[in-house]
Amino acid sequence: MDKVWINAVGVGAAICSMTSFTPQIFKIWREKDASSVSLRMFALTVTGFVLWTSYGALLQSWPIVVSNAVCLALSAVILGLKMKFR
């Protein structure tokens, strides 16, 4: 497969992953309610993104590091909002 298409798929996946958290952040912030968010699920998600970011750093794969670091930050915001709006 052409490398351009492979990179396009990777960029598309990264964009989808990174933007997928924003609707939840806006909903929690607007409603000041995070009761429907699973604390265990987001704790596990944050842990997963820490591991993915570390894995990317060990491989020196900066696309993996950057996309997962952004996802880590956004999922950590949701986790923080969950703690704030208990």
C-alpha atoms as a PDB file:
ATOM      1  CA  MET A   1       0.000   0.000   0.000  1.00  0.00           C
ATOM      2  CA  ASP A   2       1.210   3.502  -0.775  1.00  0.00           C
ATOM      3  CA  LYS A   3       2.832   5.222   2.220  1.00  0.00           C
ATOM      4  CA  VAL A   4       0.680   8.332   1.673  1.00  0.00           C
ATOM      5  CA  TRP A   5      -2.489   6.274   2.243  1.00  0.00           C
ATOM      6  CA  ILE A   6      -1.007   4.577   5.290  1.00  0.00           C
ATOM      7  CA  ASN A   7      -0.146   7.954   6.807  1.00  0.00           C
ATOM      8  CA  ALA A   8      -3.590   9.326   5.896  1.00  0.00           C
ATOM      9  CA  VAL A   9      -5.230   6.452   7.776  1.00  0.00           C
ATOM     10  CA  GLY A  10      -2.998   7.118  10.782  1.00  0.00           C
ATOM     11  CA  VAL A  11      -3.745  10.846  10.762  1.00  0.00           C
ATOM     12  CA  GLY A  12      -7.476  10.153  10.435  1.00  0.00           C
ATOM     13  CA  ALA A  13      -7.381   7.732  13.349  1.00  0.00           C
ATOM     14  CA  ALA A  14      -5.426  10.205  15.490  1.00  0.00           C
ATOM     15  CA  ILE A  15      -7.848  13.040  14.732  1.00  0.00           C
ATOM     16  CA  CYS A  16     -10.867  10.868  15.546  1.00  0.00           C
ATOM     17  CA  SER A  17      -9.291   9.689  18.794  1.00  0.00           C
ATOM     18  CA  MET A  18      -8.258  13.167  19.869  1.00  0.00           C
ATOM     19  CA  THR A  19     -11.591  14.820  19.114  1.00  0.00           C
ATOM     20  CA  SER A  20     -13.747  12.040  20.536  1.00  0.00           C
ATOM     21  CA  PHE A  21     -13.361  13.339  24.090  1.00  0.00           C
ATOM     22  CA  THR A  22     -14.427  16.939  23.450  1.00  0.00           C
ATOM     23  CA  PRO A  23     -18.222  16.399  23.302  1.00  0.00           C
ATOM     24  CA  GLN A  24     -18.103  14.691  26.705  1.00  0.00           C
ATOM     25  CA  ILE A  25     -16.000  17.505  28.187  1.00  0.00           C
ATOM     26  CA  PHE A  26     -18.427  20.155  26.905  1.00  0.00           C
ATOM     27  CA  LYS A  27     -21.452  18.199  28.145  1.00  0.00           C
ATOM     28  CA  ILE A  28     -20.038  17.758  31.644  1.00  0.00           C
ATOM     29  CA  TRP A  29     -18.941  21.392  31.841  1.00  0.00           C
ATOM     30  CA  ARG A  30     -22.273  22.748  30.541  1.00  0.00           C
ATOM     31  CA  GLU A  31     -24.413  20.586  32.834  1.00  0.00           C
ATOM     32  CA  LYS A  32     -22.012  20.642  35.816  1.00  0.00           C
ATOM     33  CA  ASP A  33     -22.821  16.961  36.171  1.00  0.00           C
ATOM     34  CA  ALA A  34     -20.556  13.973  35.637  1.00  0.00           C
ATOM     35  CA  SER A  35     -22.693  11.332  37.316  1.00  0.00           C
ATOM     36  CA  SER A  36     -23.123   9.406  34.057  1.00  0.00           C
ATOM     37  CA  VAL A  37     -19.350   9.108  33.545  1.00  0.00           C
ATOM     38  CA  SER A  38     -17.744   5.909  34.765  1.00  0.00           C
ATOM     39  CA  LEU A  39     -14.856   6.684  37.117  1.00  0.00           C
ATOM     40  CA  ARG A  40     -13.312   3.225  36.622  1.00  0.00           C
ATOM     41  CA  MET A  41     -13.517   3.473  32.847  1.00  0.00           C
ATOM     42  CA  PHE A  42     -11.808   6.858  32.666  1.00  0.00           C
ATOM     43  CA  ALA A  43      -9.180   5.855  35.243  1.00  0.00           C
ATOM     44  CA  LEU A  44      -8.388   2.869  33.022  1.00  0.00           C
ATOM     45  CA  THR A  45      -8.450   5.066  29.902  1.00  0.00           C
ATOM     46  CA  VAL A  46      -5.984   7.530  31.442  1.00  0.00           C
ATOM     47  CA  THR A  47      -3.729   4.626  32.435  1.00  0.00           C
ATOM     48  CA  GLY A  48      -3.906   3.253  28.902  1.00  0.00           C
ATOM     49  CA  PHE A  49      -2.928   6.601  27.393  1.00  0.00           C
ATOM     50  CA  VAL A  50      -0.002   6.910  29.823  1.00  0.00           C
ATOM     51  CA  LEU A  51       1.201   3.509  28.631  1.00  0.00           C
ATOM     52  CA  TRP A  52       0.646   4.328  24.916  1.00  0.00           C
ATOM     53  CA  THR A  53       2.509   7.617  25.294  1.00  0.00           C
ATOM     54  CA  SER A  54       5.364   5.837  27.065  1.00  0.00           C
ATOM     55  CA  TYR A  55       5.416   3.129  24.394  1.00  0.00           C
ATOM     56  CA  GLY A  56       5.598   5.742  21.644  1.00  0.00           C
ATOM     57  CA  ALA A  57       8.427   7.521  23.449  1.00  0.00           C
ATOM     58  CA  LEU A  58      10.369   4.270  23.819  1.00  0.00           C
ATOM     59  CA  LEU A  59       9.930   3.632  20.087  1.00  0.00           C
ATOM     60  CA  GLN A  60      10.717   7.283  19.352  1.00  0.00           C
ATOM     61  CA  SER A  61       7.518   7.408  17.328  1.00  0.00           C
ATOM     62  CA  TRP A  62       6.451  11.012  17.781  1.00  0.00           C
ATOM     63  CA  PRO A  63       3.084  10.602  16.011  1.00  0.00           C
ATOM     64  CA  ILE A  64       2.160   7.964  18.615  1.00  0.00           C
ATOM     65  CA  VAL A  65       3.494  10.154  21.432  1.00  0.00           C
ATOM     66  CA  VAL A  66       1.720  13.340  20.353  1.00  0.00           C
ATOM     67  CA  SER A  67      -1.673  11.821  19.550  1.00  0.00           C
ATOM     68  CA  ASN A  68      -1.749   9.769  22.740  1.00  0.00           C
ATOM     69  CA  ALA A  69      -0.501  12.665  24.870  1.00  0.00           C
ATOM     70  CA  VAL A  70      -3.388  14.794  23.566  1.00  0.00           C
ATOM     71  CA  CYS A  71      -5.827  11.957  24.298  1.00  0.00           C
ATOM     72  CA  LEU A  72      -4.264  11.573  27.736  1.00  0.00           C
ATOM     73  CA  ALA A  73      -4.755  15.263  28.485  1.00  0.00           C
ATOM     74  CA  LEU A  74      -8.378  15.249  27.315  1.00  0.00           C
ATOM     75  CA  SER A  75      -9.294  12.079  29.177  1.00  0.00           C
ATOM     76  CA  ALA A  76      -7.549  13.449  32.275  1.00  0.00           C
ATOM     77  CA  VAL A  77      -9.757  16.557  31.991  1.00  0.00           C
ATOM     78  CA  ILE A  78     -12.834  14.313  31.997  1.00  0.00           C
ATOM     79  CA  LEU A  79     -11.472  12.424  34.993  1.00  0.00           C
ATOM     80  CA  GLY A  80     -10.817  15.719  36.766  1.00  0.00           C
ATOM     81  CA  LEU A  81     -14.330  16.963  35.974  1.00  0.00           C
ATOM     82  CA  LYS A  82     -15.713  13.687  37.301  1.00  0.00           C
ATOM     83  CA  MET A  83     -13.926  14.341  40.591  1.00  0.00           C
ATOM     84  CA  LYS A  84     -15.020  17.999  40.659  1.00  0.00           C
ATOM     85  CA  PHE A  85     -18.715  17.434  39.899  1.00  0.00           C
ATOM     86  CA  ARG A  86     -19.311  14.378  42.085  1.00  0.00           C
END
